[in-house]
Amino acid sequence: MLVAIVKEARADETRVALTPDAVKALTAKGVNVSVETGAGVHSGASDQDYQAAGATISTNRGELLATADVLPVVNVPPTQDQEKLKNGAVVIGFLRPLDEPSALDVAVARGATLFSMELVPRITRAQSMDALSSMATVAGYKAVIMAADHLPKLFPLLMTAAGTIPPARVLVLGAGVAGLQAIATARRLGAVVEAYDVRAAAGEQVKSLGAKFIEVDLGGLQTEDKGGYAKELSPEALELGRQAIAKAAKSADVVITTAQVPGRRAPLMIAKAAVEDMRPGSIIFDLAAPAGSNCELTKPGETIVHNGVTIFGPANIVAKMPVHASMLYSRNVNNLLQLIVKKGEVVVDRADEIIAGSCVAHGGQLVNERVAAARKAQA
């Protein structure tokens, strides 16, 4: 059996699907691993590192795609790569099956078995495979570091001979993994932090990190699904939240937005009017930009200034920290591989809850009901 690792085709991607540590674990079990030359260079892994881990290095991308039994990736392989896949190959990665199911059509037609890291169920046994949480941790941290770098103020309270410098005020929207990491990082830098989440249960986590939780009475509305993710809310409930956010944003130096709903457009949380009420020099860091944005003025992949407020819409912020992002992602993927690879062979046991939940396609058909519905709607 051959596991192949290729360079990511996306221009702004610096991560690699499997690091040398993961490769070493696979080759120790008798799995053959081949790596496209330079695949890990941005994440700190040289060709020599992969060779030392037991992999072979190849300069022939087409051959790797055509012979791979398992192809771990970070992003959806482009159509030209899918066309070269071996019939029945296994592809594992962030495949965006609910957002862009048609982008997988060629791979499905070739009989590929597709596993989406976004769909790994949130159960205790699958925690070590939860790549969404891993990448959200990196994103929440990096957003605060970048905001602190661009803010024309210091983050911590300072008592100086020239007088007292008040701490920066940070508002975090969404208290999932990215939001909680943003809160923790901003607090470590000395900022005063407030946070908002539609899930009232998130309040205890926010407070445990030393931040103030903004509570909004949504009349007992169910705001969390069985997987622990925020549910899509009614327009009325969203408007109540936006009003509270607009009030808090007026005094914030930095606003970091992280609110997303799986398979849906990110909810609008900061309207244009709220941005125009913010102080000049303040910053909005919209981590939901790739999913449609939480701020009305965000332009995905761009940084703009509106009325003195700088709005960042990073398209792939985790790629700015490729070493640790790759390390975490590689471990997630490798742990999923342990369920699929048995005694050197690929075994797709769809009776397993994790495999069933994350498997998008098998045998030339979409086997995930949500993905199939999304593809039908897109047709």
Protein backbone atom coordinates (compact mmCIF):
# COMPACT_ATOMS: atom_id res chain seq x y z
CA MET A 1 0.00 0.00 0.00
CA LEU A 2 1.24 3.46 -0.91
CA VAL A 3 0.51 6.67 0.95
CA ALA A 4 1.46 9.72 -1.13
CA ILE A 5 2.00 13.28 0.05
CA VAL A 6 1.98 16.03 -2.56
CA LYS A 7 2.51 19.76 -2.48
CA GLU A 8 -0.69 21.67 -1.86
CA ALA A 9 -1.93 23.27 -5.07
CA ARG A 10 -3.46 26.29 -3.35
CA ALA A 11 -1.13 29.27 -3.74
CA ASP A 12 -1.49 30.55 -0.17
CA GLU A 13 -1.15 27.13 1.48
CA THR A 14 2.00 26.43 3.48
CA ARG A 15 0.85 23.41 5.48
CA VAL A 16 1.57 19.79 4.67
CA ALA A 17 -0.83 16.90 5.29
CA LEU A 18 1.64 14.58 7.04
CA THR A 19 4.87 15.56 8.81
CA PRO A 20 7.94 13.31 9.09
CA ASP A 21 6.85 12.12 12.56
CA ALA A 22 3.61 10.75 11.11
CA VAL A 23 5.47 9.23 8.19
CA LYS A 24 7.82 7.46 10.58
CA ALA A 25 4.87 5.92 12.42
CA LEU A 26 3.41 4.67 9.13
CA THR A 27 6.63 3.23 7.72
CA ALA A 28 7.26 1.47 11.03
CA LYS A 29 4.07 -0.48 10.31
CA GLY A 30 5.24 -1.45 6.85
CA VAL A 31 3.33 1.22 4.92
CA ASN A 32 5.11 2.66 1.89
CA VAL A 33 5.16 6.46 1.83
CA SER A 34 6.25 8.65 -1.05
CA VAL A 35 6.55 12.44 -0.83
CA GLU A 36 6.65 14.99 -3.61
CA THR A 37 9.87 16.95 -3.36
CA GLY A 38 9.46 20.17 -1.42
CA ALA A 39 6.02 19.22 -0.05
CA GLY A 40 6.96 20.07 3.54
CA VAL A 41 9.47 22.85 3.06
CA HIS A 42 7.21 25.66 4.33
CA SER A 43 6.30 23.68 7.44
CA GLY A 44 9.93 23.10 8.36
CA ALA A 45 10.22 19.57 6.94
CA SER A 46 12.89 18.97 4.31
CA ASP A 47 13.09 16.12 1.82
CA GLN A 48 15.92 14.74 3.93
CA ASP A 49 13.66 14.70 7.00
CA TYR A 50 11.12 12.62 5.12
CA GLN A 51 13.79 10.25 3.85
CA ALA A 52 15.08 9.81 7.40
CA ALA A 53 11.52 8.89 8.40
CA GLY A 54 11.47 6.13 5.79
CA ALA A 55 9.76 7.86 2.85
CA THR A 56 10.93 8.01 -0.73
CA ILE A 57 11.07 11.37 -2.52
CA SER A 58 9.54 11.85 -5.95
CA THR A 59 9.60 14.65 -8.51
CA ASN A 60 6.73 13.11 -10.49
CA ARG A 61 3.47 14.50 -9.10
CA GLY A 62 1.35 12.77 -11.74
CA GLU A 63 2.80 9.37 -10.91
CA LEU A 64 2.20 9.88 -7.20
CA LEU A 65 -1.44 10.75 -7.80
CA ALA A 66 -1.92 7.80 -10.16
CA THR A 67 -0.38 5.21 -7.84
CA ALA A 68 -1.43 6.40 -4.38
CA ASP A 69 -3.76 4.14 -2.43
CA VAL A 70 -4.15 6.87 0.19
CA LEU A 71 -3.72 10.59 -0.48
CA PRO A 72 -3.79 12.78 2.65
CA VAL A 73 -4.25 16.45 1.71
CA VAL A 74 -4.91 19.75 3.43
CA ASN A 75 -7.29 21.20 0.84
CA VAL A 76 -9.52 19.83 -1.91
CA PRO A 77 -7.32 18.57 -4.76
CA PRO A 78 -7.94 20.59 -7.94
CA THR A 79 -9.83 18.94 -10.80
CA GLN A 80 -6.64 18.19 -12.74
CA ASP A 81 -5.30 16.23 -9.75
CA GLN A 82 -8.60 14.41 -9.21
CA GLU A 83 -8.54 13.27 -12.82
CA LYS A 84 -5.25 11.47 -12.18
CA LEU A 85 -6.36 9.60 -9.08
CA LYS A 86 -6.16 5.84 -9.02
CA ASN A 87 -9.61 4.26 -9.14
CA GLY A 88 -10.72 3.57 -5.58
CA ALA A 89 -8.03 5.72 -3.95
CA VAL A 90 -8.69 7.13 -0.49
CA VAL A 91 -8.47 10.92 -0.10
CA ILE A 92 -8.45 12.51 3.36
CA GLY A 93 -8.52 16.24 4.00
CA PHE A 94 -10.49 19.45 4.40
CA LEU A 95 -12.72 18.76 1.42
CA ARG A 96 -15.44 21.39 2.06
CA PRO A 97 -18.19 18.90 1.10
CA LEU A 98 -21.05 20.97 2.50
CA ASP A 99 -19.78 24.23 1.02
CA GLU A 100 -18.67 23.12 -2.43
CA PRO A 101 -19.82 19.53 -3.02
CA SER A 102 -19.55 19.87 -6.81
CA ALA A 103 -15.78 20.41 -6.44
CA LEU A 104 -15.56 16.69 -5.59
CA ASP A 105 -17.48 15.41 -8.61
CA VAL A 106 -14.45 14.13 -10.53
CA ALA A 107 -13.04 12.25 -7.54
CA VAL A 108 -16.45 10.69 -6.83
CA ALA A 109 -16.78 9.62 -10.47
CA ARG A 110 -13.39 7.91 -10.26
CA GLY A 111 -14.63 5.82 -7.36
CA ALA A 112 -12.48 7.54 -4.76
CA THR A 113 -13.30 7.07 -1.10
CA LEU A 114 -13.38 10.55 0.38
CA PHE A 115 -12.99 11.42 4.06
CA SER A 116 -13.64 14.98 5.15
CA MET A 117 -11.87 16.17 8.28
CA GLU A 118 -14.66 18.74 8.79
CA LEU A 119 -17.15 15.92 9.29
CA VAL A 120 -15.30 13.94 11.95
CA PRO A 121 -17.98 13.55 14.65
CA ARG A 122 -17.53 15.41 17.91
CA ILE A 123 -17.41 12.39 20.18
CA THR A 124 -14.88 11.50 22.84
CA ARG A 125 -13.26 8.74 20.78
CA ALA A 126 -12.68 11.13 17.88
CA GLN A 127 -11.12 14.02 19.80
CA SER A 128 -7.63 13.14 18.58
CA MET A 129 -8.91 13.47 15.00
CA ASP A 130 -10.68 16.82 15.46
CA ALA A 131 -8.78 18.90 12.93
CA LEU A 132 -11.33 21.72 13.02
CA SER A 133 -10.50 22.32 16.67
CA SER A 134 -6.78 22.06 16.03
CA MET A 135 -6.86 24.64 13.26
CA ALA A 136 -9.24 26.88 15.23
CA THR A 137 -6.74 26.94 18.08
CA VAL A 138 -4.04 28.20 15.72
CA ALA A 139 -6.40 30.74 14.11
CA GLY A 140 -7.58 32.22 17.42
CA TYR A 141 -4.03 32.66 18.65
CA LYS A 142 -2.66 34.13 15.43
CA ALA A 143 -5.56 36.58 15.06
CA VAL A 144 -4.76 38.17 18.42
CA ILE A 145 -1.03 38.32 17.70
CA MET A 146 -1.65 39.99 14.35
CA ALA A 147 -4.19 42.39 15.85
CA ALA A 148 -1.74 43.36 18.60
CA ASP A 149 0.93 43.97 15.96
CA HIS A 150 -1.30 46.29 13.93
CA LEU A 151 -3.07 48.09 16.77
CA PRO A 152 -1.50 51.52 17.39
CA LYS A 153 -1.73 50.89 21.13
CA LEU A 154 -0.17 48.65 23.74
CA PHE A 155 -2.23 45.72 25.00
CA PRO A 156 -1.32 45.67 28.72
CA LEU A 157 -1.94 48.15 31.51
CA LEU A 158 1.33 49.96 32.19
CA MET A 159 2.22 52.20 35.13
CA THR A 160 5.00 54.54 34.00
CA ALA A 161 6.69 57.68 35.26
CA ALA A 162 4.92 59.49 32.44
CA GLY A 163 1.54 58.25 33.58
CA THR A 164 -0.72 55.23 33.32
CA ILE A 165 -1.44 53.53 30.00
CA PRO A 166 -4.85 51.82 30.09
CA PRO A 167 -5.15 48.28 28.72
CA ALA A 168 -6.53 47.60 25.27
CA ARG A 169 -10.13 46.43 25.08
CA VAL A 170 -10.82 43.30 23.02
CA LEU A 171 -14.24 41.98 21.99
CA VAL A 172 -14.43 38.36 20.83
CA LEU A 173 -17.51 37.15 18.97
CA GLY A 174 -18.05 33.41 19.18
CA ALA A 175 -16.76 31.31 22.06
CA GLY A 176 -15.90 28.13 20.23
CA VAL A 177 -12.33 26.84 20.10
CA ALA A 178 -11.02 29.80 18.07
CA GLY A 179 -12.84 32.33 20.24
CA LEU A 180 -11.68 30.81 23.51
CA GLN A 181 -8.09 30.71 22.27
CA ALA A 182 -8.40 34.36 21.21
CA ILE A 183 -9.71 35.26 24.65
CA ALA A 184 -6.91 33.41 26.41
CA THR A 185 -4.22 34.96 24.20
CA ALA A 186 -5.60 38.49 24.54
CA ARG A 187 -5.78 38.07 28.32
CA ARG A 188 -2.17 36.85 28.43
CA LEU A 189 -1.16 39.99 26.56
CA GLY A 190 -2.91 42.08 29.20
CA ALA A 191 -6.08 43.18 27.41
CA VAL A 192 -9.49 43.60 29.00
CA VAL A 193 -11.71 41.13 27.16
CA GLU A 194 -15.43 40.80 26.54
CA ALA A 195 -17.05 37.98 24.58
CA TYR A 196 -20.38 37.12 23.05
CA ASP A 197 -21.84 33.79 21.98
CA VAL A 198 -25.40 32.79 21.21
CA ARG A 199 -24.90 29.71 23.38
CA ALA A 200 -25.52 30.73 26.97
CA ALA A 201 -23.59 27.66 28.12
CA ALA A 202 -20.43 29.21 26.66
CA GLY A 203 -20.59 31.91 29.31
CA GLU A 204 -18.93 29.77 31.97
CA GLN A 205 -15.99 29.00 29.69
CA VAL A 206 -15.59 32.67 28.84
CA LYS A 207 -15.65 33.71 32.49
CA SER A 208 -13.18 30.97 33.44
CA LEU A 209 -10.64 32.69 31.17
CA GLY A 210 -11.09 36.02 32.93
CA ALA A 211 -13.31 37.67 30.32
CA LYS A 212 -16.73 39.27 30.68
CA PHE A 213 -19.58 37.44 28.96
CA ILE A 214 -22.18 39.55 27.18
CA GLU A 215 -25.54 37.99 27.90
CA VAL A 216 -28.52 38.46 25.61
CA ASP A 217 -31.98 37.11 26.43
CA LEU A 218 -33.05 35.01 23.44
CA GLY A 219 -36.19 33.76 25.16
CA GLY A 220 -34.99 30.23 25.76
CA LEU A 221 -34.26 29.61 22.07
CA GLN A 222 -32.27 26.43 21.36
CA THR A 223 -28.93 27.74 20.08
CA GLU A 224 -26.73 24.63 20.08
CA ASP A 225 -26.96 21.42 18.06
CA LYS A 226 -26.17 17.93 19.34
CA GLY A 227 -22.59 18.27 18.11
CA GLY A 228 -21.97 21.33 20.28
CA TYR A 229 -21.96 23.77 17.35
CA ALA A 230 -24.05 26.94 17.24
CA LYS A 231 -27.28 26.56 15.28
CA GLU A 232 -28.52 28.95 12.63
CA LEU A 233 -30.75 31.49 14.38
CA SER A 234 -33.86 33.39 13.37
CA PRO A 235 -33.45 36.94 12.00
CA GLU A 236 -34.98 38.29 15.22
CA ALA A 237 -32.52 36.47 17.46
CA LEU A 238 -29.58 37.55 15.30
CA GLU A 239 -30.72 41.17 15.49
CA LEU A 240 -30.82 41.06 19.30
CA GLY A 241 -27.25 39.84 19.27
CA ARG A 242 -26.14 42.49 16.78
CA GLN A 243 -27.56 45.23 18.97
CA ALA A 244 -25.56 44.03 21.99
CA ILE A 245 -22.44 43.64 19.85
CA ALA A 246 -22.75 47.13 18.38
CA LYS A 247 -22.94 48.61 21.87
CA ALA A 248 -19.83 46.72 23.05
CA ALA A 249 -17.89 47.44 19.83
CA LYS A 250 -18.09 51.21 20.41
CA SER A 251 -15.49 50.98 23.19
CA ALA A 252 -13.44 48.10 21.73
CA ASP A 253 -9.95 48.53 20.31
CA VAL A 254 -10.01 45.09 18.70
CA VAL A 255 -12.95 42.95 17.60
CA ILE A 256 -12.23 39.34 16.66
CA THR A 257 -15.08 37.45 15.04
CA THR A 258 -15.14 33.66 14.90
CA ALA A 259 -18.84 32.74 14.54
CA GLN A 260 -19.57 30.05 11.95
CA VAL A 261 -22.31 27.48 11.38
CA PRO A 262 -21.17 24.25 9.64
CA GLY A 263 -22.52 24.06 6.10
CA ARG A 264 -24.06 27.53 6.25
CA ARG A 265 -23.00 31.08 5.50
CA ALA A 266 -21.40 32.71 8.54
CA PRO A 267 -23.92 34.87 10.42
CA LEU A 268 -23.81 38.66 10.06
CA MET A 269 -22.85 40.02 13.47
CA ILE A 270 -21.38 43.46 12.79
CA ALA A 271 -23.37 45.75 10.52
CA LYS A 272 -21.89 48.70 8.65
CA ALA A 273 -23.47 51.13 11.13
CA ALA A 274 -21.73 49.36 14.03
CA VAL A 275 -18.36 49.70 12.29
CA GLU A 276 -18.96 53.41 11.75
CA ASP A 277 -19.61 53.83 15.47
CA MET A 278 -16.24 52.32 16.37
CA ARG A 279 -13.25 54.47 17.24
CA PRO A 280 -10.73 55.35 14.51
CA GLY A 281 -7.63 53.20 14.82
CA SER A 282 -9.56 50.15 16.04
CA ILE A 283 -9.37 46.78 14.32
CA ILE A 284 -11.78 44.06 13.23
CA PHE A 285 -10.29 40.62 12.57
CA ASP A 286 -12.92 38.54 10.76
CA LEU A 287 -11.92 34.88 11.02
CA ALA A 288 -15.22 33.91 9.38
CA ALA A 289 -14.19 35.63 6.13
CA PRO A 290 -13.77 32.35 4.17
CA ALA A 291 -17.29 31.28 5.22
CA GLY A 292 -19.04 34.50 4.21
CA SER A 293 -17.85 36.88 6.95
CA ASN A 294 -19.30 38.07 10.27
CA CYS A 295 -18.80 41.73 9.39
CA GLU A 296 -20.86 43.36 6.66
CA LEU A 297 -17.85 45.25 5.29
CA THR A 298 -15.31 42.42 5.26
CA LYS A 299 -13.72 41.59 1.93
CA PRO A 300 -12.40 37.99 2.08
CA GLY A 301 -8.69 37.82 1.45
CA GLU A 302 -8.26 41.59 1.78
CA THR A 303 -7.53 44.25 4.39
CA ILE A 304 -9.54 47.44 4.10
CA VAL A 305 -9.97 50.64 6.09
CA HIS A 306 -13.43 52.10 6.64
CA ASN A 307 -13.86 55.32 8.60
CA GLY A 308 -10.51 54.71 10.27
CA VAL A 309 -11.35 51.13 11.26
CA THR A 310 -9.08 48.46 9.76
CA ILE A 311 -10.93 45.29 8.76
CA PHE A 312 -8.94 42.12 8.13
CA GLY A 313 -10.53 39.28 6.16
CA PRO A 314 -7.86 36.55 6.19
CA ALA A 315 -8.49 33.77 3.68
CA ASN A 316 -6.16 31.22 5.30
CA ILE A 317 -4.77 32.52 8.58
CA VAL A 318 -3.58 29.13 9.84
CA ALA A 319 -1.17 28.94 6.90
CA LYS A 320 0.72 31.81 8.55
CA MET A 321 1.81 29.36 11.28
CA PRO A 322 2.65 26.30 9.14
CA VAL A 323 4.99 24.49 11.51
CA HIS A 324 2.60 23.93 14.40
CA ALA A 325 -0.49 23.94 12.18
CA SER A 326 1.02 21.11 10.13
CA MET A 327 2.11 19.25 13.26
CA LEU A 328 -1.40 19.31 14.73
CA TYR A 329 -3.17 18.56 11.46
CA SER A 330 -0.79 15.71 10.68
CA ARG A 331 -1.55 14.10 14.03
CA ASN A 332 -5.28 14.42 13.39
CA VAL A 333 -4.99 12.83 9.95
CA ASN A 334 -2.66 10.09 11.18
CA ASN A 335 -5.07 9.16 13.95
CA LEU A 336 -7.87 8.82 11.40
CA LEU A 337 -5.56 6.73 9.22
CA GLN A 338 -5.14 4.27 12.08
CA LEU A 339 -8.84 3.43 11.73
CA ILE A 340 -8.62 2.96 7.98
CA VAL A 341 -5.32 1.16 7.54
CA LYS A 342 -5.30 -2.35 8.97
CA LYS A 343 -2.28 -4.62 8.48
CA GLY A 344 -1.10 -2.61 5.51
CA GLU A 345 -4.47 -2.61 3.77
CA VAL A 346 -7.23 -0.01 3.45
CA VAL A 347 -10.38 -1.13 5.28
CA VAL A 348 -13.43 1.15 5.14
CA ASP A 349 -15.64 -0.09 7.95
CA ARG A 350 -18.70 2.13 7.71
CA ALA A 351 -20.15 0.47 10.80
CA ASP A 352 -17.63 2.55 12.75
CA GLU A 353 -19.23 5.80 13.88
CA ILE A 354 -16.18 7.91 13.05
CA ILE A 355 -15.72 6.43 9.59
CA ALA A 356 -19.42 6.66 8.82
CA GLY A 357 -19.59 10.28 9.93
CA SER A 358 -16.54 11.50 8.04
CA CYS A 359 -16.92 9.44 4.86
CA VAL A 360 -18.29 11.59 2.04
CA ALA A 361 -18.09 9.21 -0.92
CA HIS A 362 -17.44 5.53 -1.51
CA GLY A 363 -17.82 3.27 -4.53
CA GLY A 364 -18.64 6.11 -6.90
CA GLN A 365 -21.48 7.55 -4.82
CA LEU A 366 -22.01 10.20 -2.17
CA VAL A 367 -22.74 8.27 1.02
CA ASN A 368 -23.20 11.19 3.41
CA GLU A 369 -26.83 12.35 3.46
CA ARG A 370 -26.02 15.98 4.24
CA VAL A 371 -23.46 16.17 1.45
CA ALA A 372 -25.80 14.47 -1.00
CA ALA A 373 -28.52 16.99 -0.14
CA ALA A 374 -26.07 19.88 -0.55
CA ARG A 375 -24.98 18.53 -3.95
CA LYS A 376 -28.58 18.16 -5.08
CA ALA A 377 -29.33 21.73 -4.02
CA GLN A 378 -26.28 22.95 -5.94
CA ALA A 379 -27.32 21.18 -9.15
